[in-house]
Amino acid sequence: MASNSTRVQVSRSPRHNADGFIYSLSAPSNLDNIVAVEARLRALLSSHLVGAVNSLVRLP
């Protein structure tokens, strides 16, 4: 939903030595307006994972 694209994959894995999960989003490097996608993703995570600590990291 955040990317407005079907060319995105999302995975979830348990955190090592801590509670919770790590969510990974993989998308093509030419995805339109990555800054807007990240903003929408933060908003979606915050609304669905109330009280959770959300950190987004963009990998090269």
N, C-alpha and C. Protein backbone atom coordinates (compact mmCIF):
# COMPACT_ATOMS: atom_id res chain seq x y z
N MET A 1 0.82 -1.20 0.00
CA MET A 1 0.00 0.00 0.00
C MET A 1 0.86 1.26 0.00
N ALA A 2 1.91 1.26 0.77
CA ALA A 2 2.75 2.46 0.88
C ALA A 2 3.45 2.81 -0.42
N SER A 3 3.77 1.80 -1.22
CA SER A 3 4.53 2.06 -2.44
C SER A 3 3.66 2.31 -3.66
N ASN A 4 2.37 1.98 -3.57
CA ASN A 4 1.48 2.07 -4.73
C ASN A 4 2.02 1.28 -5.91
N SER A 5 2.66 0.17 -5.63
CA SER A 5 3.27 -0.66 -6.66
C SER A 5 3.10 -2.14 -6.31
N THR A 6 3.01 -2.97 -7.33
CA THR A 6 2.97 -4.42 -7.11
C THR A 6 4.36 -5.02 -7.26
N ARG A 7 5.36 -4.18 -7.54
CA ARG A 7 6.73 -4.66 -7.73
C ARG A 7 7.53 -4.62 -6.43
N VAL A 8 6.87 -4.79 -5.32
CA VAL A 8 7.49 -4.69 -4.00
C VAL A 8 7.30 -6.00 -3.25
N GLN A 9 8.33 -6.42 -2.53
CA GLN A 9 8.24 -7.60 -1.68
C GLN A 9 8.46 -7.17 -0.24
N VAL A 10 7.70 -7.76 0.66
CA VAL A 10 7.84 -7.47 2.09
C VAL A 10 8.08 -8.79 2.82
N SER A 11 9.04 -8.77 3.74
CA SER A 11 9.31 -9.96 4.54
C SER A 11 9.34 -9.57 6.02
N ARG A 12 9.15 -10.56 6.86
CA ARG A 12 9.17 -10.34 8.31
C ARG A 12 9.99 -11.45 8.94
N SER A 13 10.92 -11.06 9.83
CA SER A 13 11.73 -12.06 10.54
C SER A 13 11.85 -11.64 12.00
N PRO A 14 11.98 -12.61 12.90
CA PRO A 14 12.11 -12.28 14.32
C PRO A 14 13.44 -11.58 14.59
N ARG A 15 13.44 -10.67 15.54
CA ARG A 15 14.68 -10.00 15.94
C ARG A 15 15.52 -10.96 16.75
N HIS A 16 16.82 -10.88 16.61
CA HIS A 16 17.73 -11.71 17.40
C HIS A 16 17.95 -11.05 18.76
N ASN A 17 17.85 -11.80 19.81
CA ASN A 17 18.11 -11.33 21.18
C ASN A 17 17.16 -10.22 21.63
N ALA A 18 15.98 -10.14 21.03
CA ALA A 18 15.01 -9.12 21.45
C ALA A 18 13.62 -9.54 20.99
N ASP A 19 12.61 -8.93 21.61
CA ASP A 19 11.24 -9.18 21.18
C ASP A 19 10.96 -8.39 19.91
N GLY A 20 9.99 -8.84 19.17
CA GLY A 20 9.54 -8.10 18.00
C GLY A 20 10.04 -8.69 16.70
N PHE A 21 9.82 -7.94 15.64
CA PHE A 21 10.14 -8.41 14.30
C PHE A 21 10.87 -7.33 13.51
N ILE A 22 11.55 -7.77 12.48
CA ILE A 22 12.17 -6.88 11.50
C ILE A 22 11.41 -7.07 10.21
N TYR A 23 10.89 -5.98 9.67
CA TYR A 23 10.18 -6.00 8.40
C TYR A 23 11.11 -5.44 7.34
N SER A 24 11.21 -6.12 6.22
CA SER A 24 12.06 -5.67 5.12
C SER A 24 11.22 -5.44 3.88
N LEU A 25 11.46 -4.33 3.23
CA LEU A 25 10.77 -3.99 2.00
C LEU A 25 11.81 -3.96 0.90
N SER A 26 11.55 -4.68 -0.17
CA SER A 26 12.46 -4.72 -1.30
C SER A 26 11.71 -4.23 -2.53
N ALA A 27 12.27 -3.23 -3.20
CA ALA A 27 11.61 -2.63 -4.36
C ALA A 27 12.65 -2.29 -5.42
N PRO A 28 12.21 -2.10 -6.64
CA PRO A 28 13.14 -1.70 -7.70
C PRO A 28 13.77 -0.34 -7.38
N SER A 29 14.98 -0.14 -7.82
CA SER A 29 15.69 1.11 -7.53
C SER A 29 15.03 2.32 -8.20
N ASN A 30 14.21 2.10 -9.20
CA ASN A 30 13.55 3.22 -9.88
C ASN A 30 12.12 3.45 -9.40
N LEU A 31 11.80 2.99 -8.19
CA LEU A 31 10.48 3.19 -7.62
C LEU A 31 10.21 4.69 -7.51
N ASP A 32 9.04 5.12 -7.97
CA ASP A 32 8.71 6.55 -7.98
C ASP A 32 8.64 7.14 -6.58
N ASN A 33 9.28 8.27 -6.38
CA ASN A 33 9.22 9.11 -5.18
C ASN A 33 9.42 8.32 -3.89
N ILE A 34 10.61 7.81 -3.71
CA ILE A 34 10.94 6.98 -2.55
C ILE A 34 10.72 7.72 -1.22
N VAL A 35 10.92 9.03 -1.22
CA VAL A 35 10.70 9.81 0.01
C VAL A 35 9.23 9.75 0.42
N ALA A 36 8.32 9.86 -0.53
CA ALA A 36 6.88 9.77 -0.24
C ALA A 36 6.51 8.35 0.19
N VAL A 37 7.12 7.35 -0.43
CA VAL A 37 6.87 5.95 -0.06
C VAL A 37 7.28 5.72 1.39
N GLU A 38 8.46 6.22 1.76
CA GLU A 38 8.93 6.07 3.15
C GLU A 38 7.99 6.76 4.13
N ALA A 39 7.51 7.95 3.78
CA ALA A 39 6.59 8.67 4.66
C ALA A 39 5.29 7.90 4.85
N ARG A 40 4.75 7.36 3.75
CA ARG A 40 3.52 6.56 3.86
C ARG A 40 3.76 5.29 4.66
N LEU A 41 4.92 4.66 4.48
CA LEU A 41 5.25 3.45 5.22
C LEU A 41 5.34 3.74 6.72
N ARG A 42 5.98 4.84 7.09
CA ARG A 42 6.05 5.22 8.51
C ARG A 42 4.65 5.42 9.09
N ALA A 43 3.79 6.11 8.34
CA ALA A 43 2.43 6.37 8.82
C ALA A 43 1.66 5.07 8.98
N LEU A 44 1.77 4.15 8.01
CA LEU A 44 1.08 2.87 8.11
C LEU A 44 1.58 2.05 9.30
N LEU A 45 2.90 2.00 9.47
CA LEU A 45 3.46 1.25 10.60
C LEU A 45 3.01 1.84 11.93
N SER A 46 3.03 3.15 12.04
CA SER A 46 2.64 3.81 13.29
C SER A 46 1.17 3.56 13.62
N SER A 47 0.32 3.53 12.60
CA SER A 47 -1.10 3.34 12.87
C SER A 47 -1.44 1.87 13.16
N HIS A 48 -0.66 0.94 12.64
CA HIS A 48 -0.95 -0.48 12.85
C HIS A 48 -0.16 -1.10 13.99
N LEU A 49 0.95 -0.51 14.35
CA LEU A 49 1.81 -1.04 15.41
C LEU A 49 1.92 -0.01 16.53
N VAL A 50 0.79 0.31 17.13
CA VAL A 50 0.74 1.35 18.16
C VAL A 50 1.66 0.98 19.32
N GLY A 51 2.51 1.93 19.69
CA GLY A 51 3.42 1.73 20.81
C GLY A 51 4.73 1.07 20.43
N ALA A 52 4.84 0.63 19.19
CA ALA A 52 6.08 -0.01 18.75
C ALA A 52 7.11 1.04 18.34
N VAL A 53 8.36 0.67 18.43
CA VAL A 53 9.43 1.54 17.97
C VAL A 53 9.70 1.19 16.50
N ASN A 54 9.51 2.18 15.64
CA ASN A 54 9.69 1.97 14.21
C ASN A 54 10.91 2.72 13.72
N SER A 55 11.85 2.00 13.15
CA SER A 55 13.02 2.62 12.55
C SER A 55 13.12 2.18 11.11
N LEU A 56 13.23 3.14 10.22
CA LEU A 56 13.41 2.82 8.80
C LEU A 56 14.83 3.14 8.40
N VAL A 57 15.43 2.21 7.69
CA VAL A 57 16.79 2.39 7.21
C VAL A 57 16.80 2.08 5.72
N ARG A 58 17.27 3.01 4.92
CA ARG A 58 17.37 2.78 3.48
C ARG A 58 18.76 2.22 3.17
N LEU A 59 18.79 1.05 2.57
CA LEU A 59 20.05 0.41 2.20
C LEU A 59 20.39 0.76 0.77
N PRO A 60 21.69 0.90 0.50
CA PRO A 60 22.09 1.25 -0.88
C PRO A 60 21.79 0.13 -1.85
